[in-house]
Amino acid sequence: DISLKQQLILGFITGLAPCLFGWSIFMLILSTKNIWTIFPVILAFGLGIMSALSLIVLVISKLKSTLMGEGSWFAEISPILSASLLFGFAIWQVI
């Protein structure tokens, strides 16, 4: 049986797992030994990421009809461009 405190800690750490920046901030705060600043800083970090990603989604949704309209040149090259970018970033991460 897992206590509520253990469940919250597990959820918090699992939420940080895919984000290296979150881990670096978490470890930096732990190194200062001021445990009371962990949650406000991580909360601000999460809100910043959420705001940035929300703005990106809004811009893309506004540009979607313009860029992906019928007969648009961007609509034809978009799959190739996105696959190339993903492949390039993957290679960059390996190197």
Protein backbone atom coordinates (compact mmCIF):
# COMPACT_ATOMS: atom_id res chain seq x y z
CA ASP A 1 0.00 0.00 0.00
CA ILE A 2 1.47 3.34 -1.10
CA SER A 3 0.81 6.46 0.97
CA LEU A 4 -0.51 9.67 -0.53
CA LYS A 5 2.85 11.37 0.06
CA GLN A 6 4.68 8.63 -1.86
CA GLN A 7 2.14 8.86 -4.69
CA LEU A 8 2.64 12.63 -4.98
CA ILE A 9 6.43 12.30 -4.99
CA LEU A 10 6.24 9.55 -7.62
CA GLY A 11 3.95 11.67 -9.81
CA PHE A 12 6.20 14.71 -9.41
CA ILE A 13 9.35 12.80 -10.37
CA THR A 14 7.59 11.01 -13.24
CA GLY A 15 6.43 14.37 -14.60
CA LEU A 16 10.01 15.62 -14.58
CA ALA A 17 11.45 12.50 -16.19
CA PRO A 18 11.20 13.55 -19.86
CA CYS A 19 12.44 17.09 -19.20
CA LEU A 20 16.18 17.52 -18.67
CA PHE A 21 15.80 21.23 -17.95
CA GLY A 22 13.33 20.39 -15.17
CA TRP A 23 15.81 17.94 -13.67
CA SER A 24 18.65 20.46 -13.82
CA ILE A 25 16.54 23.09 -12.05
CA PHE A 26 15.43 20.50 -9.49
CA MET A 27 19.03 19.44 -8.78
CA LEU A 28 20.21 23.07 -8.61
CA ILE A 29 17.58 23.87 -5.99
CA LEU A 30 18.43 20.72 -4.04
CA SER A 31 22.09 21.76 -3.99
CA THR A 32 21.15 25.04 -2.28
CA LYS A 33 19.47 23.02 0.51
CA ASN A 34 16.48 25.34 0.44
CA ILE A 35 13.76 22.74 -0.05
CA TRP A 36 10.91 25.28 0.20
CA THR A 37 11.81 26.86 -3.14
CA ILE A 38 11.51 23.61 -5.13
CA PHE A 39 7.78 23.65 -5.76
CA PRO A 40 7.39 27.36 -6.62
CA VAL A 41 10.32 27.25 -9.06
CA ILE A 42 9.12 24.04 -10.74
CA LEU A 43 5.60 25.49 -10.91
CA ALA A 44 6.90 28.67 -12.56
CA PHE A 45 9.00 26.57 -14.93
CA GLY A 46 5.96 24.48 -15.89
CA LEU A 47 3.79 27.55 -16.40
CA GLY A 48 6.47 29.08 -18.62
CA ILE A 49 6.66 25.95 -20.76
CA MET A 50 2.86 25.74 -20.93
CA SER A 51 2.62 29.39 -22.02
CA ALA A 52 5.30 29.02 -24.71
CA LEU A 53 3.75 25.85 -26.12
CA SER A 54 0.28 27.39 -26.06
CA LEU A 55 1.51 30.38 -28.05
CA ILE A 56 3.14 28.08 -30.60
CA VAL A 57 -0.13 26.15 -30.97
CA LEU A 58 -2.10 29.38 -31.45
CA VAL A 59 0.29 30.67 -34.12
CA ILE A 60 0.30 27.36 -35.97
CA SER A 61 -3.48 27.06 -35.85
CA LYS A 62 -3.84 30.60 -37.24
CA LEU A 63 -1.32 29.93 -40.03
CA LYS A 64 -2.68 26.47 -40.86
CA SER A 65 -5.40 27.62 -43.23
CA THR A 66 -3.01 29.99 -44.98
CA LEU A 67 -0.11 27.56 -45.31
CA MET A 68 -2.03 24.34 -45.90
CA GLY A 69 -4.71 25.62 -48.25
CA GLU A 70 -5.69 23.91 -51.49
CA GLY A 71 -2.80 23.86 -53.95
CA SER A 72 -0.36 25.42 -51.50
CA TRP A 73 3.32 24.68 -52.17
CA PHE A 74 3.90 24.37 -48.41
CA ALA A 75 1.26 21.64 -48.13
CA GLU A 76 3.17 19.58 -50.68
CA ILE A 77 6.59 19.87 -49.03
CA SER A 78 5.43 19.88 -45.40
CA PRO A 79 5.70 16.10 -44.80
CA ILE A 80 9.18 15.95 -46.31
CA LEU A 81 10.31 19.05 -44.42
CA SER A 82 9.04 17.82 -41.04
CA ALA A 83 10.55 14.36 -41.51
CA SER A 84 13.87 15.91 -42.50
CA LEU A 85 13.87 18.18 -39.45
CA LEU A 86 13.08 15.29 -37.11
CA PHE A 87 15.80 13.17 -38.67
CA GLY A 88 18.29 16.05 -38.43
CA PHE A 89 17.51 16.66 -34.76
CA ALA A 90 17.84 12.93 -34.02
CA ILE A 91 21.25 12.82 -35.69
CA TRP A 92 22.29 16.01 -33.86
CA GLN A 93 21.34 14.42 -30.50
CA VAL A 94 23.42 11.33 -31.25
CA ILE A 95 26.52 13.31 -32.23
